[in-house]
Amino acid sequence: MDLLKDFSTFSFTHQERERCVYRKGEGPAVLIMHEVPGISVEVAHFARRVSDAGFTVFMPRMFGPVGVKTSPLNRVPELLKLCCVNREFHVLAENRSSPIADWLRALGRHIHEQMGGRGIGAIGMCVTGNFALTLTLDPWVLAPVMGHPSFPLPITRAKAAAVHVTPETFANARRRSAEDGLKVLGVRFHGDSMFCRAPRFATLRRELGDAFEGIELPAASAKPQPEPPHSVLTIGLIDRAGEPTHEAVERILSFLSERLR
């Protein structure tokens, strides 16, 4: 268990929905949105990497356990809950986002008002990967990172190519790119046949043009797992100099510095 004792916590409420937010570090603010099963050991490791690079991490607990090591035994049940029970996530929705995105946008506003500065970064991963793009509807989100975005679940060819954001989000991102140089960073593995397939990044490139920087890593560069490679920033990460996944994290950190400092 990782009890996250090196993080402080506070509660944030929006539209009568209260959640615990973990905070760590000093410097420009970065909102990190965790993946399934929750704020796992691997997610906490990534958050510390961001904090150690000179940023203040804000990480809300949206679902699932805290401080456990990711495994199929805890990942699959949490994904099923999102699909079947949790009404804040619309896992099959094309051309729109999930209701929880409104809560995340409110938290982003709160963070920016509290921290000041040029703006904030936003990093999503897997089931939250698309939310980083949705958050760019707000002008204070300057450094969005889409980590292997998984919604809508790719149960058809159309859904495999779709992105879990509204058409207005794409239009706004294009406008911001033209007017103030907004850039969006995305990462995925080649060979991710389960959740984030190549057609989704093709859609992002088509919709965003030069505003989208897509990093696609060889499947063989992932830390070995029983299932196809997927989570670049967590269970697939080999955090060692010279490894492609390590270099991808380093690029994310440099992207945050470029946009926020």
Protein backbone atom coordinates (compact mmCIF):
# COMPACT_ATOMS: atom_id res chain seq x y z
CA MET A 1 0.00 0.00 0.00
CA ASP A 2 1.04 3.57 -0.77
CA LEU A 3 -0.69 5.79 1.78
CA LEU A 4 0.35 9.01 -0.02
CA LYS A 5 1.57 10.48 3.26
CA ASP A 6 3.74 12.95 1.36
CA PHE A 7 0.61 14.54 -0.15
CA SER A 8 -1.68 17.00 1.60
CA THR A 9 -5.43 16.78 1.02
CA PHE A 10 -8.45 19.07 0.82
CA SER A 11 -12.09 18.68 -0.13
CA PHE A 12 -13.60 20.32 -3.19
CA THR A 13 -17.35 20.51 -3.84
CA HIS A 14 -19.18 21.46 -7.02
CA GLN A 15 -22.89 20.99 -7.63
CA GLU A 16 -23.20 19.13 -4.33
CA ARG A 17 -20.53 16.57 -5.30
CA GLU A 18 -17.63 16.51 -2.84
CA ARG A 19 -14.31 14.80 -3.53
CA CYS A 20 -10.92 14.57 -1.88
CA VAL A 21 -8.05 16.20 -3.77
CA TYR A 22 -4.41 15.24 -3.17
CA ARG A 23 -1.79 17.99 -3.48
CA LYS A 24 1.98 17.92 -3.64
CA GLY A 25 4.83 20.16 -4.76
CA GLU A 26 5.65 23.75 -5.59
CA GLY A 27 5.46 25.64 -8.86
CA PRO A 28 2.90 25.91 -11.67
CA ALA A 29 -0.27 23.87 -11.16
CA VAL A 30 -0.95 20.58 -12.93
CA LEU A 31 -4.27 18.75 -12.58
CA ILE A 32 -3.72 14.98 -12.84
CA MET A 33 -6.76 12.80 -13.53
CA HIS A 34 -6.19 9.16 -12.61
CA GLU A 35 -7.14 6.02 -14.46
CA VAL A 36 -8.75 2.71 -13.44
CA PRO A 37 -8.63 1.29 -10.77
CA GLY A 38 -8.07 4.61 -8.93
CA ILE A 39 -5.12 6.53 -7.48
CA SER A 40 -2.92 3.46 -7.73
CA VAL A 41 0.71 3.00 -6.75
CA GLU A 42 1.63 3.60 -10.39
CA VAL A 43 -0.46 6.78 -10.71
CA ALA A 44 1.07 8.11 -7.47
CA HIS A 45 4.55 7.41 -8.87
CA PHE A 46 3.76 9.44 -11.98
CA ALA A 47 2.31 12.28 -9.87
CA ARG A 48 5.53 12.40 -7.85
CA ARG A 49 7.56 12.58 -11.06
CA VAL A 50 5.56 15.66 -12.08
CA SER A 51 5.89 17.21 -8.62
CA ASP A 52 9.64 16.53 -8.46
CA ALA A 53 10.03 18.33 -11.80
CA GLY A 54 8.90 21.57 -10.15
CA PHE A 55 5.12 21.57 -10.39
CA THR A 56 2.25 21.61 -7.91
CA VAL A 57 0.18 18.49 -8.50
CA PHE A 58 -3.56 18.43 -7.81
CA MET A 59 -5.04 14.93 -8.06
CA PRO A 60 -8.75 14.38 -7.28
CA ARG A 61 -10.00 10.97 -6.28
CA MET A 62 -12.83 10.31 -8.72
CA PHE A 63 -13.43 6.62 -8.06
CA GLY A 64 -11.79 3.46 -6.79
CA PRO A 65 -9.19 2.69 -4.13
CA VAL A 66 -6.14 4.73 -3.19
CA GLY A 67 -2.63 3.38 -2.90
CA VAL A 68 -3.09 -0.12 -4.31
CA LYS A 69 -0.95 -1.75 -6.98
CA THR A 70 -2.80 -2.11 -10.28
CA SER A 71 -3.88 -5.61 -11.24
CA PRO A 72 -6.64 -7.22 -13.33
CA LEU A 73 -8.34 -8.15 -10.05
CA ASN A 74 -9.00 -4.49 -9.20
CA ARG A 75 -8.93 -2.89 -12.65
CA VAL A 76 -11.70 -4.94 -14.26
CA PRO A 77 -14.31 -4.46 -11.47
CA GLU A 78 -13.74 -0.69 -11.43
CA LEU A 79 -14.10 -0.48 -15.20
CA LEU A 80 -17.35 -2.45 -14.99
CA LYS A 81 -18.63 -0.01 -12.36
CA LEU A 82 -17.90 2.92 -14.68
CA CYS A 83 -19.69 1.14 -17.51
CA CYS A 84 -22.74 -0.06 -15.61
CA VAL A 85 -23.21 1.97 -12.41
CA ASN A 86 -21.40 5.31 -12.40
CA ARG A 87 -23.66 7.90 -14.07
CA GLU A 88 -20.88 10.49 -14.21
CA PHE A 89 -19.08 8.56 -16.97
CA HIS A 90 -20.64 7.92 -20.38
CA VAL A 91 -18.22 5.31 -21.64
CA LEU A 92 -19.68 4.90 -25.15
CA ALA A 93 -20.45 8.53 -25.94
CA GLU A 94 -19.19 9.97 -29.22
CA ASN A 95 -19.02 13.72 -29.88
CA ARG A 96 -19.74 14.60 -26.26
CA SER A 97 -18.09 14.31 -22.89
CA SER A 98 -19.09 12.82 -19.54
CA PRO A 99 -20.92 14.76 -16.80
CA ILE A 100 -17.86 14.56 -14.52
CA ALA A 101 -16.07 16.91 -16.92
CA ASP A 102 -18.11 19.80 -15.48
CA TRP A 103 -16.83 18.97 -11.99
CA LEU A 104 -13.25 18.81 -13.29
CA ARG A 105 -13.61 22.16 -15.03
CA ALA A 106 -14.82 23.70 -11.78
CA LEU A 107 -11.82 22.24 -9.96
CA GLY A 108 -9.53 23.62 -12.66
CA ARG A 109 -11.02 27.08 -12.15
CA HIS A 110 -10.53 26.78 -8.38
CA ILE A 111 -6.90 25.71 -8.82
CA HIS A 112 -6.13 28.59 -11.17
CA GLU A 113 -7.78 31.14 -8.90
CA GLN A 114 -5.79 29.80 -5.97
CA MET A 115 -2.43 29.45 -7.71
CA GLY A 116 -2.47 32.31 -10.21
CA GLY A 117 0.27 32.36 -12.81
CA ARG A 118 -0.10 31.93 -16.55
CA GLY A 119 -2.44 28.96 -16.27
CA ILE A 120 -2.53 25.26 -15.44
CA GLY A 121 -1.69 21.93 -17.01
CA ALA A 122 -4.12 19.00 -17.25
CA ILE A 123 -3.10 15.37 -17.65
CA GLY A 124 -5.65 12.63 -18.20
CA MET A 125 -4.98 8.93 -18.62
CA CYS A 126 -7.06 6.08 -20.01
CA VAL A 127 -10.70 6.69 -18.98
CA THR A 128 -9.86 10.33 -18.17
CA GLY A 129 -7.56 10.95 -21.14
CA ASN A 130 -10.12 12.87 -23.18
CA PHE A 131 -10.97 15.20 -20.30
CA ALA A 132 -7.65 17.01 -20.76
CA LEU A 133 -8.93 18.22 -24.13
CA THR A 134 -12.38 19.13 -22.76
CA LEU A 135 -10.73 21.27 -20.09
CA THR A 136 -9.26 23.50 -22.82
CA LEU A 137 -12.72 25.05 -23.11
CA ASP A 138 -11.42 27.18 -20.23
CA PRO A 139 -8.69 29.67 -21.17
CA TRP A 140 -6.55 28.97 -18.10
CA VAL A 141 -5.83 25.41 -19.25
CA LEU A 142 -2.63 25.88 -21.26
CA ALA A 143 -0.95 22.46 -21.27
CA PRO A 144 -3.35 19.55 -21.95
CA VAL A 145 -1.92 16.01 -22.10
CA MET A 146 -4.08 13.15 -23.36
CA GLY A 147 -2.63 9.93 -21.98
CA HIS A 148 -3.89 6.94 -24.03
CA PRO A 149 -7.51 8.26 -24.13
CA SER A 150 -9.93 5.32 -24.00
CA PHE A 151 -13.46 6.71 -24.42
CA PRO A 152 -15.60 5.92 -26.21
CA LEU A 153 -14.77 2.27 -25.65
CA PRO A 154 -13.85 1.00 -29.15
CA ILE A 155 -16.57 -1.62 -29.59
CA THR A 156 -17.08 -0.56 -33.25
CA ARG A 157 -14.82 0.96 -35.90
CA ALA A 158 -16.61 4.27 -35.56
CA LYS A 159 -16.11 4.36 -31.80
CA ALA A 160 -12.46 3.36 -32.15
CA ALA A 161 -11.91 6.50 -34.22
CA ALA A 162 -14.16 8.77 -32.16
CA VAL A 163 -13.03 11.15 -29.43
CA HIS A 164 -14.97 11.66 -26.20
CA VAL A 165 -15.39 15.44 -26.61
CA THR A 166 -17.99 17.77 -28.12
CA PRO A 167 -17.61 19.36 -31.58
CA GLU A 168 -17.46 22.69 -29.73
CA THR A 169 -14.36 21.47 -27.88
CA PHE A 170 -12.56 20.79 -31.16
CA ALA A 171 -13.68 24.12 -32.61
CA ASN A 172 -12.51 25.97 -29.51
CA ALA A 173 -9.14 24.17 -29.54
CA ARG A 174 -8.61 25.13 -33.19
CA ARG A 175 -9.52 28.75 -32.40
CA ARG A 176 -7.17 28.85 -29.43
CA SER A 177 -4.40 27.28 -31.48
CA ALA A 178 -4.75 30.02 -34.11
CA GLU A 179 -5.13 32.87 -31.62
CA ASP A 180 -2.82 31.99 -28.73
CA GLY A 181 -0.80 28.98 -29.82
CA LEU A 182 -2.57 26.24 -27.85
CA LYS A 183 -0.92 22.84 -28.23
CA VAL A 184 -2.25 19.41 -27.22
CA LEU A 185 0.04 16.48 -26.43
CA GLY A 186 -1.07 12.85 -26.71
CA VAL A 187 0.67 9.55 -25.96
CA ARG A 188 -0.22 5.94 -26.79
CA PHE A 189 1.32 2.58 -27.61
CA HIS A 190 1.28 1.02 -31.04
CA GLY A 191 -0.37 -2.34 -30.52
CA ASP A 192 -2.95 -0.99 -28.07
CA SER A 193 -5.76 -3.10 -29.46
CA MET A 194 -7.97 -2.79 -26.40
CA PHE A 195 -8.70 0.87 -25.73
CA CYS A 196 -6.72 3.56 -27.58
CA ARG A 197 -6.25 2.50 -31.18
CA ALA A 198 -4.49 4.29 -34.02
CA PRO A 199 -7.70 5.69 -35.63
CA ARG A 200 -8.33 7.85 -32.54
CA PHE A 201 -5.00 9.61 -32.93
CA ALA A 202 -5.72 9.95 -36.65
CA THR A 203 -8.93 11.79 -35.73
CA LEU A 204 -7.05 14.07 -33.34
CA ARG A 205 -4.52 14.91 -36.05
CA ARG A 206 -7.27 15.61 -38.55
CA GLU A 207 -9.27 17.80 -36.17
CA LEU A 208 -6.38 19.69 -34.56
CA GLY A 209 -3.73 19.71 -37.27
CA ASP A 210 -0.38 21.08 -36.12
CA ALA A 211 -1.86 21.83 -32.70
CA PHE A 212 -1.69 18.11 -31.87
CA GLU A 213 1.60 16.42 -31.01
CA GLY A 214 1.04 12.68 -30.95
CA ILE A 215 3.67 10.37 -29.44
CA GLU A 216 3.14 6.74 -30.42
CA LEU A 217 5.54 4.24 -28.87
CA PRO A 218 6.48 0.73 -30.03
CA ALA A 219 4.51 -1.98 -28.28
CA ALA A 220 7.78 -3.68 -27.36
CA SER A 221 8.82 -0.62 -25.32
CA ALA A 222 6.08 -1.23 -22.73
CA LYS A 223 6.78 -2.92 -19.43
CA PRO A 224 5.67 -6.54 -19.96
CA GLN A 225 2.07 -7.18 -18.94
CA PRO A 226 -0.36 -10.09 -19.48
CA GLU A 227 -2.55 -7.92 -21.76
CA PRO A 228 -1.71 -5.72 -24.79
CA PRO A 229 0.21 -2.51 -23.96
CA HIS A 230 -1.94 0.46 -23.01
CA SER A 231 -0.96 2.66 -20.07
CA VAL A 232 2.12 4.61 -21.14
CA LEU A 233 2.34 6.66 -17.94
CA THR A 234 1.70 3.95 -15.35
CA ILE A 235 1.80 0.15 -15.66
CA GLY A 236 3.50 0.28 -19.06
CA LEU A 237 6.17 2.74 -17.89
CA ILE A 238 9.80 1.66 -17.61
CA ASP A 239 11.11 4.70 -15.79
CA ARG A 240 14.76 4.35 -16.71
CA ALA A 241 16.91 6.61 -18.85
CA GLY A 242 17.01 5.51 -22.46
CA GLU A 243 13.65 3.73 -22.36
CA PRO A 244 11.04 5.12 -24.79
CA THR A 245 8.40 5.38 -22.06
CA HIS A 246 10.81 7.31 -19.84
CA GLU A 247 11.53 9.67 -22.73
CA ALA A 248 7.79 10.15 -23.25
CA VAL A 249 7.42 11.25 -19.63
CA GLU A 250 10.38 13.58 -20.05
CA ARG A 251 8.66 15.11 -23.09
CA ILE A 252 5.50 15.65 -21.04
CA LEU A 253 7.52 17.43 -18.37
CA SER A 254 9.23 19.65 -20.93
CA PHE A 255 5.83 20.37 -22.55
CA LEU A 256 4.49 21.50 -19.16
CA SER A 257 7.51 23.75 -18.67
CA GLU A 258 7.21 25.27 -22.13
CA ARG A 259 3.53 26.11 -21.66
CA LEU A 260 3.37 27.07 -17.98
CA ARG A 261 6.63 28.79 -17.07
